[in-house]
Structure formats: C-alpha cells, structure tokens
Full PDB file with SEQRES, HELIX, SHEET, SSBOND, CRYST1, ORIGX, SCALE, CONECT and MASTER records, all heavy atoms in Angstrom:
SEQRES   1 A   34  SER ARG SER GLY SER PRO ARG ASN ARG LEU TYR PRO ARG          
SEQRES   2 A   34  GLN LEU GLU ASP GLN THR LYS LYS LEU GLN LYS ASP MET          
SEQRES   3 A   34  LYS LYS SER THR ASP ALA ASP LEU                              
HELIX    1 AA1 ARG A   13  ASP A   33  1                                  21    
CRYST1    1.000    1.000    1.000  90.00  90.00  90.00 P 1           1          
ORIGX1      1.000000  0.000000  0.000000        0.00000                         
ORIGX2      0.000000  1.000000  0.000000        0.00000                         
ORIGX3      0.000000  0.000000  1.000000        0.00000                         
SCALE1      1.000000  0.000000  0.000000        0.00000                         
SCALE2      0.000000  1.000000  0.000000        0.00000                         
SCALE3      0.000000  0.000000  1.000000        0.00000                         
ATOM      1  N   SER A   1       4.234 132.578  20.595  1.00  0.00           N  
ATOM      2  CA  SER A   1       4.874 133.214  21.732  1.00  0.00           C  
ATOM      3  C   SER A   1       3.859 133.440  22.836  1.00  0.00           C  
ATOM      4  O   SER A   1       2.669 133.229  22.662  1.00  0.00           O  
ATOM      5  CB  SER A   1       5.484 134.561  21.325  1.00  0.00           C  
ATOM      6  OG  SER A   1       4.464 135.471  20.970  1.00  0.00           O  
ATOM      7  N   ARG A   2       4.356 133.937  23.958  1.00  0.00           N  
ATOM      8  CA  ARG A   2       3.464 134.220  25.094  1.00  0.00           C  
ATOM      9  C   ARG A   2       2.414 135.255  24.729  1.00  0.00           C  
ATOM     10  O   ARG A   2       1.315 135.242  25.244  1.00  0.00           O  
ATOM     11  CB  ARG A   2       4.271 134.724  26.297  1.00  0.00           C  
ATOM     12  CG  ARG A   2       5.093 133.636  26.960  1.00  0.00           C  
ATOM     13  CD  ARG A   2       5.808 134.202  28.183  1.00  0.00           C  
ATOM     14  NE  ARG A   2       6.689 133.196  28.760  1.00  0.00           N  
ATOM     15  CZ  ARG A   2       6.323 132.344  29.687  1.00  0.00           C  
ATOM     16  NH1 ARG A   2       5.092 132.360  30.115  1.00  0.00           N  
ATOM     17  NH2 ARG A   2       7.168 131.476  30.178  1.00  0.00           N  
ATOM     18  N   SER A   3       2.784 136.162  23.866  1.00  0.00           N  
ATOM     19  CA  SER A   3       1.840 137.202  23.482  1.00  0.00           C  
ATOM     20  C   SER A   3       1.096 136.861  22.208  1.00  0.00           C  
ATOM     21  O   SER A   3       0.335 137.656  21.696  1.00  0.00           O  
ATOM     22  CB  SER A   3       2.585 138.530  23.288  1.00  0.00           C  
ATOM     23  OG  SER A   3       3.574 138.383  22.286  1.00  0.00           O  
ATOM     24  N   GLY A   4       1.323 135.669  21.673  1.00  0.00           N  
ATOM     25  CA  GLY A   4       0.701 135.278  20.421  1.00  0.00           C  
ATOM     26  C   GLY A   4      -0.739 134.871  20.604  1.00  0.00           C  
ATOM     27  O   GLY A   4      -1.297 134.938  21.687  1.00  0.00           O  
ATOM     28  N   SER A   5      -1.343 134.395  19.519  1.00  0.00           N  
ATOM     29  CA  SER A   5      -2.736 133.975  19.567  1.00  0.00           C  
ATOM     30  C   SER A   5      -2.821 132.479  19.318  1.00  0.00           C  
ATOM     31  O   SER A   5      -2.143 131.955  18.424  1.00  0.00           O  
ATOM     32  CB  SER A   5      -3.535 134.706  18.486  1.00  0.00           C  
ATOM     33  OG  SER A   5      -4.864 134.265  18.475  1.00  0.00           O  
ATOM     34  N   PRO A   6      -3.620 131.731  20.090  1.00  0.00           N  
ATOM     35  CA  PRO A   6      -4.389 132.183  21.250  1.00  0.00           C  
ATOM     36  C   PRO A   6      -3.495 132.459  22.446  1.00  0.00           C  
ATOM     37  O   PRO A   6      -2.506 131.779  22.636  1.00  0.00           O  
ATOM     38  CB  PRO A   6      -5.358 131.044  21.519  1.00  0.00           C  
ATOM     39  CG  PRO A   6      -4.680 129.846  20.978  1.00  0.00           C  
ATOM     40  CD  PRO A   6      -3.857 130.303  19.801  1.00  0.00           C  
ATOM     41  N   ARG A   7      -3.872 133.391  23.293  1.00  0.00           N  
ATOM     42  CA  ARG A   7      -2.982 133.971  24.286  1.00  0.00           C  
ATOM     43  C   ARG A   7      -2.376 132.946  25.239  1.00  0.00           C  
ATOM     44  O   ARG A   7      -1.168 132.908  25.425  1.00  0.00           O  
ATOM     45  CB  ARG A   7      -3.737 135.052  25.076  1.00  0.00           C  
ATOM     46  CG  ARG A   7      -2.873 135.701  26.139  1.00  0.00           C  
ATOM     47  CD  ARG A   7      -3.589 136.895  26.731  1.00  0.00           C  
ATOM     48  NE  ARG A   7      -2.817 137.495  27.796  1.00  0.00           N  
ATOM     49  CZ  ARG A   7      -1.779 138.289  27.621  1.00  0.00           C  
ATOM     50  NH1 ARG A   7      -1.379 138.575  26.403  1.00  0.00           N  
ATOM     51  NH2 ARG A   7      -1.129 138.806  28.643  1.00  0.00           N  
ATOM     52  N   ASN A   8      -3.196 132.118  25.852  1.00  0.00           N  
ATOM     53  CA  ASN A   8      -2.683 131.224  26.897  1.00  0.00           C  
ATOM     54  C   ASN A   8      -2.701 129.757  26.481  1.00  0.00           C  
ATOM     55  O   ASN A   8      -2.678 128.875  27.319  1.00  0.00           O  
ATOM     56  CB  ASN A   8      -3.505 131.398  28.187  1.00  0.00           C  
ATOM     57  CG  ASN A   8      -3.222 132.721  28.863  1.00  0.00           C  
ATOM     58  OD1 ASN A   8      -2.065 133.124  28.939  1.00  0.00           O  
ATOM     59  ND2 ASN A   8      -4.254 133.394  29.318  1.00  0.00           N  
ATOM     60  N   ARG A   9      -2.739 129.505  25.183  1.00  0.00           N  
ATOM     61  CA  ARG A   9      -2.901 128.115  24.743  1.00  0.00           C  
ATOM     62  C   ARG A   9      -1.746 127.236  25.213  1.00  0.00           C  
ATOM     63  O   ARG A   9      -1.927 126.087  25.572  1.00  0.00           O  
ATOM     64  CB  ARG A   9      -3.021 128.082  23.231  1.00  0.00           C  
ATOM     65  CG  ARG A   9      -3.201 126.673  22.671  1.00  0.00           C  
ATOM     66  CD  ARG A   9      -3.624 126.700  21.225  1.00  0.00           C  
ATOM     67  NE  ARG A   9      -4.980 127.186  21.100  1.00  0.00           N  
ATOM     68  CZ  ARG A   9      -5.576 127.366  19.922  1.00  0.00           C  
ATOM     69  NH1 ARG A   9      -4.922 127.138  18.804  1.00  0.00           N  
ATOM     70  NH2 ARG A   9      -6.818 127.800  19.879  1.00  0.00           N  
ATOM     71  N   LEU A  10      -0.527 127.787  25.189  1.00  0.00           N  
ATOM     72  CA  LEU A  10       0.623 126.981  25.557  1.00  0.00           C  
ATOM     73  C   LEU A  10       1.110 127.281  26.973  1.00  0.00           C  
ATOM     74  O   LEU A  10       2.122 126.755  27.390  1.00  0.00           O  
ATOM     75  CB  LEU A  10       1.768 127.212  24.565  1.00  0.00           C  
ATOM     76  CG  LEU A  10       1.490 126.773  23.126  1.00  0.00           C  
ATOM     77  CD1 LEU A  10       2.724 126.991  22.278  1.00  0.00           C  
ATOM     78  CD2 LEU A  10       1.067 125.329  23.059  1.00  0.00           C  
ATOM     79  N   TYR A  11       0.388 128.131  27.710  1.00  0.00           N  
ATOM     80  CA  TYR A  11       0.845 128.519  29.027  1.00  0.00           C  
ATOM     81  C   TYR A  11      -0.292 128.343  30.027  1.00  0.00           C  
ATOM     82  O   TYR A  11      -1.082 129.261  30.251  1.00  0.00           O  
ATOM     83  CB  TYR A  11       1.367 129.959  29.004  1.00  0.00           C  
ATOM     84  CG  TYR A  11       2.555 130.092  28.097  1.00  0.00           C  
ATOM     85  CD1 TYR A  11       2.397 130.396  26.753  1.00  0.00           C  
ATOM     86  CD2 TYR A  11       3.844 129.843  28.575  1.00  0.00           C  
ATOM     87  CE1 TYR A  11       3.492 130.476  25.907  1.00  0.00           C  
ATOM     88  CE2 TYR A  11       4.940 129.922  27.731  1.00  0.00           C  
ATOM     89  CZ  TYR A  11       4.760 130.242  26.398  1.00  0.00           C  
ATOM     90  OH  TYR A  11       5.836 130.305  25.563  1.00  0.00           O  
ATOM     91  N   PRO A  12      -0.402 127.166  30.637  1.00  0.00           N  
ATOM     92  CA  PRO A  12      -1.553 126.837  31.488  1.00  0.00           C  
ATOM     93  C   PRO A  12      -1.434 127.355  32.918  1.00  0.00           C  
ATOM     94  O   PRO A  12      -2.205 126.965  33.773  1.00  0.00           O  
ATOM     95  CB  PRO A  12      -1.542 125.309  31.480  1.00  0.00           C  
ATOM     96  CG  PRO A  12      -0.094 124.960  31.348  1.00  0.00           C  
ATOM     97  CD  PRO A  12       0.502 126.013  30.443  1.00  0.00           C  
ATOM     98  N   ARG A  13      -0.469 128.237  33.188  1.00  0.00           N  
ATOM     99  CA  ARG A  13      -0.246 128.690  34.558  1.00  0.00           C  
ATOM    100  C   ARG A  13      -1.479 129.354  35.155  1.00  0.00           C  
ATOM    101  O   ARG A  13      -1.802 129.143  36.328  1.00  0.00           O  
ATOM    102  CB  ARG A  13       0.927 129.668  34.579  1.00  0.00           C  
ATOM    103  CG  ARG A  13       1.277 130.204  35.960  1.00  0.00           C  
ATOM    104  CD  ARG A  13       1.770 129.095  36.871  1.00  0.00           C  
ATOM    105  NE  ARG A  13       3.006 128.522  36.383  1.00  0.00           N  
ATOM    106  CZ  ARG A  13       3.622 127.492  36.936  1.00  0.00           C  
ATOM    107  NH1 ARG A  13       3.065 126.890  37.976  1.00  0.00           N  
ATOM    108  NH2 ARG A  13       4.750 127.029  36.443  1.00  0.00           N  
ATOM    109  N   GLN A  14      -2.188 130.141  34.355  1.00  0.00           N  
ATOM    110  CA  GLN A  14      -3.364 130.832  34.873  1.00  0.00           C  
ATOM    111  C   GLN A  14      -4.438 129.843  35.304  1.00  0.00           C  
ATOM    112  O   GLN A  14      -5.025 129.981  36.376  1.00  0.00           O  
ATOM    113  CB  GLN A  14      -3.923 131.790  33.820  1.00  0.00           C  
ATOM    114  CG  GLN A  14      -5.119 132.601  34.319  1.00  0.00           C  
ATOM    115  CD  GLN A  14      -5.668 133.548  33.271  1.00  0.00           C  
ATOM    116  OE1 GLN A  14      -5.328 133.454  32.100  1.00  0.00           O  
ATOM    117  NE2 GLN A  14      -6.520 134.453  33.688  1.00  0.00           N  
ATOM    118  N   LEU A  15      -4.685 128.829  34.495  1.00  0.00           N  
ATOM    119  CA  LEU A  15      -5.676 127.819  34.855  1.00  0.00           C  
ATOM    120  C   LEU A  15      -5.230 127.052  36.091  1.00  0.00           C  
ATOM    121  O   LEU A  15      -6.050 126.741  36.971  1.00  0.00           O  
ATOM    122  CB  LEU A  15      -5.884 126.852  33.684  1.00  0.00           C  
ATOM    123  CG  LEU A  15      -6.876 125.710  33.925  1.00  0.00           C  
ATOM    124  CD1 LEU A  15      -8.251 126.249  34.283  1.00  0.00           C  
ATOM    125  CD2 LEU A  15      -6.958 124.814  32.683  1.00  0.00           C  
ATOM    126  N   GLU A  16      -3.959 126.757  36.190  1.00  0.00           N  
ATOM    127  CA  GLU A  16      -3.432 126.061  37.365  1.00  0.00           C  
ATOM    128  C   GLU A  16      -3.633 126.902  38.621  1.00  0.00           C  
ATOM    129  O   GLU A  16      -4.098 126.403  39.653  1.00  0.00           O  
ATOM    130  CB  GLU A  16      -1.949 125.758  37.173  1.00  0.00           C  
ATOM    131  CG  GLU A  16      -1.314 125.042  38.366  1.00  0.00           C  
ATOM    132  CD  GLU A  16       0.150 124.763  38.171  1.00  0.00           C  
ATOM    133  OE1 GLU A  16       0.746 125.302  37.214  1.00  0.00           O  
ATOM    134  OE2 GLU A  16       0.719 124.002  38.980  1.00  0.00           O  
ATOM    135  N   ASP A  17      -3.309 128.192  38.536  1.00  0.00           N  
ATOM    136  CA  ASP A  17      -3.461 129.082  39.690  1.00  0.00           C  
ATOM    137  C   ASP A  17      -4.926 129.194  40.102  1.00  0.00           C  
ATOM    138  O   ASP A  17      -5.254 129.186  41.296  1.00  0.00           O  
ATOM    139  CB  ASP A  17      -2.907 130.469  39.361  1.00  0.00           C  
ATOM    140  CG  ASP A  17      -1.388 130.467  39.211  1.00  0.00           C  
ATOM    141  OD1 ASP A  17      -0.758 129.497  39.658  1.00  0.00           O  
ATOM    142  OD2 ASP A  17      -0.844 131.432  38.634  1.00  0.00           O  
ATOM    143  N   GLN A  18      -5.816 129.297  39.125  1.00  0.00           N  
ATOM    144  CA  GLN A  18      -7.243 129.416  39.425  1.00  0.00           C  
ATOM    145  C   GLN A  18      -7.775 128.137  40.064  1.00  0.00           C  
ATOM    146  O   GLN A  18      -8.601 128.187  40.984  1.00  0.00           O  
ATOM    147  CB  GLN A  18      -8.020 129.742  38.154  1.00  0.00           C  
ATOM    148  CG  GLN A  18      -7.762 131.143  37.619  1.00  0.00           C  
ATOM    149  CD  GLN A  18      -8.403 131.376  36.269  1.00  0.00           C  
ATOM    150  OE1 GLN A  18      -8.805 130.436  35.573  1.00  0.00           O  
ATOM    151  NE2 GLN A  18      -8.506 132.634  35.875  1.00  0.00           N  
ATOM    152  N   THR A  19      -7.315 126.991  39.573  1.00  0.00           N  
ATOM    153  CA  THR A  19      -7.757 125.718  40.134  1.00  0.00           C  
ATOM    154  C   THR A  19      -7.303 125.569  41.584  1.00  0.00           C  
ATOM    155  O   THR A  19      -8.079 125.169  42.464  1.00  0.00           O  
ATOM    156  CB  THR A  19      -7.205 124.549  39.298  1.00  0.00           C  
ATOM    157  OG1 THR A  19      -7.647 124.671  37.943  1.00  0.00           O  
ATOM    158  CG2 THR A  19      -7.681 123.215  39.862  1.00  0.00           C  
ATOM    159  N   LYS A  20      -6.043 125.915  41.859  1.00  0.00           N  
ATOM    160  CA  LYS A  20      -5.521 125.815  43.221  1.00  0.00           C  
ATOM    161  C   LYS A  20      -6.222 126.808  44.144  1.00  0.00           C  
ATOM    162  O   LYS A  20      -6.485 126.492  45.313  1.00  0.00           O  
ATOM    163  CB  LYS A  20      -4.011 126.059  43.218  1.00  0.00           C  
ATOM    164  CG  LYS A  20      -3.215 124.933  42.592  1.00  0.00           C  
ATOM    165  CD  LYS A  20      -1.724 125.203  42.638  1.00  0.00           C  
ATOM    166  CE  LYS A  20      -0.936 124.031  42.066  1.00  0.00           C  
ATOM    167  NZ  LYS A  20       0.520 124.282  42.085  1.00  0.00           N  
ATOM    168  N   LYS A  21      -6.516 127.998  43.634  1.00  0.00           N  
ATOM    169  CA  LYS A  21      -7.220 128.996  44.446  1.00  0.00           C  
ATOM    170  C   LYS A  21      -8.624 128.518  44.791  1.00  0.00           C  
ATOM    171  O   LYS A  21      -9.084 128.670  45.932  1.00  0.00           O  
ATOM    172  CB  LYS A  21      -7.291 130.338  43.707  1.00  0.00           C  
ATOM    173  CG  LYS A  21      -7.954 131.454  44.516  1.00  0.00           C  
ATOM    174  CD  LYS A  21      -7.957 132.757  43.736  1.00  0.00           C  
ATOM    175  CE  LYS A  21      -8.539 133.895  44.578  1.00  0.00           C  
ATOM    176  NZ  LYS A  21      -9.913 133.638  45.034  1.00  0.00           N  
ATOM    177  N   LEU A  22      -9.305 127.923  43.810  1.00  0.00           N  
ATOM    178  CA  LEU A  22     -10.651 127.413  44.056  1.00  0.00           C  
ATOM    179  C   LEU A  22     -10.618 126.293  45.086  1.00  0.00           C  
ATOM    180  O   LEU A  22     -11.465 126.227  45.983  1.00  0.00           O  
ATOM    181  CB  LEU A  22     -11.260 126.913  42.744  1.00  0.00           C  
ATOM    182  CG  LEU A  22     -12.685 126.347  42.824  1.00  0.00           C  
ATOM    183  CD1 LEU A  22     -13.643 127.381  43.392  1.00  0.00           C  
ATOM    184  CD2 LEU A  22     -13.140 125.880  41.441  1.00  0.00           C  
ATOM    185  N   GLN A  23      -9.643 125.406  44.970  1.00  0.00           N  
ATOM    186  CA  GLN A  23      -9.504 124.317  45.936  1.00  0.00           C  
ATOM    187  C   GLN A  23      -9.249 124.869  47.337  1.00  0.00           C  
ATOM    188  O   GLN A  23      -9.851 124.414  48.324  1.00  0.00           O  
ATOM    189  CB  GLN A  23      -8.341 123.412  45.517  1.00  0.00           C  
ATOM    190  CG  GLN A  23      -8.082 122.246  46.463  1.00  0.00           C  
ATOM    191  CD  GLN A  23      -6.866 121.439  46.052  1.00  0.00           C  
ATOM    192  OE1 GLN A  23      -6.365 121.544  44.936  1.00  0.00           O  
ATOM    193  NE2 GLN A  23      -6.355 120.644  46.970  1.00  0.00           N  
ATOM    194  N   LYS A  24      -8.389 125.868  47.437  1.00  0.00           N  
ATOM    195  CA  LYS A  24      -8.073 126.481  48.725  1.00  0.00           C  
ATOM    196  C   LYS A  24      -9.288 127.181  49.306  1.00  0.00           C  
ATOM    197  O   LYS A  24      -9.582 127.067  50.511  1.00  0.00           O  
ATOM    198  CB  LYS A  24      -6.925 127.473  48.545  1.00  0.00           C  
ATOM    199  CG  LYS A  24      -6.438 128.101  49.832  1.00  0.00           C  
ATOM    200  CD  LYS A  24      -5.261 129.021  49.568  1.00  0.00           C  
ATOM    201  CE  LYS A  24      -4.756 129.670  50.861  1.00  0.00           C  
ATOM    202  NZ  LYS A  24      -3.605 130.578  50.599  1.00  0.00           N  
ATOM    203  N   ASP A  25     -10.039 127.902  48.467  1.00  0.00           N  
ATOM    204  CA  ASP A  25     -11.232 128.613  48.944  1.00  0.00           C  
ATOM    205  C   ASP A  25     -12.316 127.643  49.403  1.00  0.00           C  
ATOM    206  O   ASP A  25     -13.016 127.900  50.400  1.00  0.00           O  
ATOM    207  CB  ASP A  25     -11.781 129.513  47.841  1.00  0.00           C  
ATOM    208  CG  ASP A  25     -10.888 130.713  47.568  1.00  0.00           C  
ATOM    209  OD1 ASP A  25     -10.028 131.008  48.420  1.00  0.00           O  
ATOM    210  OD2 ASP A  25     -11.055 131.350  46.505  1.00  0.00           O  
ATOM    211  N   MET A  26     -12.479 126.522  48.685  1.00  0.00           N  
ATOM    212  CA  MET A  26     -13.461 125.524  49.091  1.00  0.00           C  
ATOM    213  C   MET A  26     -13.090 124.915  50.441  1.00  0.00           C  
ATOM    214  O   MET A  26     -13.953 124.674  51.293  1.00  0.00           O  
ATOM    215  CB  MET A  26     -13.567 124.425  48.034  1.00  0.00           C  
ATOM    216  CG  MET A  26     -14.273 124.837  46.751  1.00  0.00           C  
ATOM    217  SD  MET A  26     -15.974 125.418  47.014  1.00  0.00           S  
ATOM    218  CE  MET A  26     -16.668 124.052  47.930  1.00  0.00           C  
ATOM    219  N   LYS A  27     -11.801 124.683  50.649  1.00  0.00           N  
ATOM    220  CA  LYS A  27     -11.344 124.128  51.931  1.00  0.00           C  
ATOM    221  C   LYS A  27     -11.609 125.126  53.060  1.00  0.00           C  
ATOM    222  O   LYS A  27     -12.065 124.738  54.156  1.00  0.00           O  
ATOM    223  CB  LYS A  27      -9.844 123.810  51.848  1.00  0.00           C  
ATOM    224  CG  LYS A  27      -9.269 123.149  53.093  1.00  0.00           C  
ATOM    225  CD  LYS A  27      -9.896 121.783  53.310  1.00  0.00           C  
ATOM    226  CE  LYS A  27      -9.138 120.961  54.348  1.00  0.00           C  
ATOM    227  NZ  LYS A  27      -9.082 121.613  55.677  1.00  0.00           N  
ATOM    228  N   LYS A  28     -11.336 126.400  52.822  1.00  0.00           N  
ATOM    229  CA  LYS A  28     -11.615 127.421  53.829  1.00  0.00           C  
ATOM    230  C   LYS A  28     -13.107 127.473  54.155  1.00  0.00           C  
ATOM    231  O   LYS A  28     -13.498 127.620  55.312  1.00  0.00           O  
ATOM    232  CB  LYS A  28     -11.155 128.792  53.330  1.00  0.00           C  
ATOM    233  CG  LYS A  28      -9.654 129.008  53.348  1.00  0.00           C  
ATOM    234  CD  LYS A  28      -9.320 130.413  52.894  1.00  0.00           C  
ATOM    235  CE  LYS A  28      -7.821 130.673  52.946  1.00  0.00           C  
ATOM    236  NZ  LYS A  28      -7.477 132.046  52.494  1.00  0.00           N  
ATOM    237  N   SER A  29     -13.936 127.360  53.116  1.00  0.00           N  
ATOM    238  CA  SER A  29     -15.383 127.422  53.306  1.00  0.00           C  
ATOM    239  C   SER A  29     -15.881 126.262  54.162  1.00  0.00           C  
ATOM    240  O   SER A  29     -16.680 126.463  55.094  1.00  0.00           O  
ATOM    241  CB  SER A  29     -16.082 127.416  51.941  1.00  0.00           C  
ATOM    242  OG  SER A  29     -17.483 127.375  52.081  1.00  0.00           O  
ATOM    243  N   THR A  30     -15.431 125.054  53.863  1.00  0.00           N  
ATOM    244  CA  THR A  30     -15.886 123.890  54.635  1.00  0.00           C  
ATOM    245  C   THR A  30     -15.349 123.936  56.064  1.00  0.00           C  
ATOM    246  O   THR A  30     -16.054 123.553  57.003  1.00  0.00           O  
ATOM    247  CB  THR A  30     -15.462 122.579  53.958  1.00  0.00           C  
ATOM    248  OG1 THR A  30     -14.040 122.587  53.715  1.00  0.00           O  
ATOM    249  CG2 THR A  30     -16.178 122.397  52.625  1.00  0.00           C  
ATOM    250  N   ASP A  31     -14.121 124.417  56.237  1.00  0.00           N  
ATOM    251  CA  ASP A  31     -13.577 124.561  57.598  1.00  0.00           C  
ATOM    252  C   ASP A  31     -14.402 125.559  58.409  1.00  0.00           C  
ATOM    253  O   ASP A  31     -14.677 125.338  59.598  1.00  0.00           O  
ATOM    254  CB  ASP A  31     -12.122 125.021  57.541  1.00  0.00           C  
ATOM    255  CG  ASP A  31     -11.176 123.917  57.081  1.00  0.00           C  
ATOM    256  OD1 ASP A  31     -11.603 122.747  57.051  1.00  0.00           O  
ATOM    257  OD2 ASP A  31     -10.019 124.242  56.751  1.00  0.00           O  
ATOM    258  N   ALA A  32     -14.787 126.656  57.754  1.00  0.00           N  
ATOM    259  CA  ALA A  32     -15.595 127.666  58.442  1.00  0.00           C  
ATOM    260  C   ALA A  32     -16.980 127.112  58.795  1.00  0.00           C  
ATOM    261  O   ALA A  32     -17.521 127.394  59.877  1.00  0.00           O  
ATOM    262  CB  ALA A  32     -15.730 128.909  57.566  1.00  0.00           C  
ATOM    263  N   ASP A  33     -17.561 126.328  57.882  1.00  0.00           N  
ATOM    264  CA  ASP A  33     -18.859 125.710  58.151  1.00  0.00           C  
ATOM    265  C   ASP A  33     -18.790 124.804  59.377  1.00  0.00           C  
ATOM    266  O   ASP A  33     -19.674 124.840  60.255  1.00  0.00           O  
ATOM    267  CB  ASP A  33     -19.321 124.896  56.939  1.00  0.00           C  
ATOM    268  CG  ASP A  33     -19.898 125.771  55.841  1.00  0.00           C  
ATOM    269  OD1 ASP A  33     -20.112 126.965  56.105  1.00  0.00           O  
ATOM    270  OD2 ASP A  33     -20.129 125.255  54.736  1.00  0.00           O  
ATOM    271  N   LEU A  34     -17.755 123.978  59.425  1.00  0.00           N  
ATOM    272  CA  LEU A  34     -17.610 123.067  60.559  1.00  0.00           C  
ATOM    273  C   LEU A  34     -17.390 123.832  61.861  1.00  0.00           C  
ATOM    274  O   LEU A  34     -17.953 123.476  62.905  1.00  0.00           O  
ATOM    275  CB  LEU A  34     -16.435 122.110  60.312  1.00  0.00           C  
ATOM    276  CG  LEU A  34     -16.673 120.987  59.306  1.00  0.00           C  
ATOM    277  CD1 LEU A  34     -15.408 120.164  59.123  1.00  0.00           C  
ATOM    278  CD2 LEU A  34     -17.816 120.081  59.774  1.00  0.00           C  
TER     279      LEU A  34                                                      
MASTER        0    0    0    1    0    0    0    6  278    1    0    3          
END                                                                             
C-alpha cells in the first residue's frame, strides 16, 4: 500500500516532482546568468 514498506517504491510521484523542480530551477539559474 501507499503506507507500506518500502514507502515510495510503487509511487514515483515524489521523484518526478523533484526532477521537474530541479529542471525548472536550473533553467531559472541559467536565465538569470544570461
């Protein structure tokens, strides 16, 4: 289940959100540099 062990093994939403956030932050950083 969602609360089972391991906690997020079957629910990759957190990793997806973190990846998209990192991509967005990197884009903001390079835009600011330019």
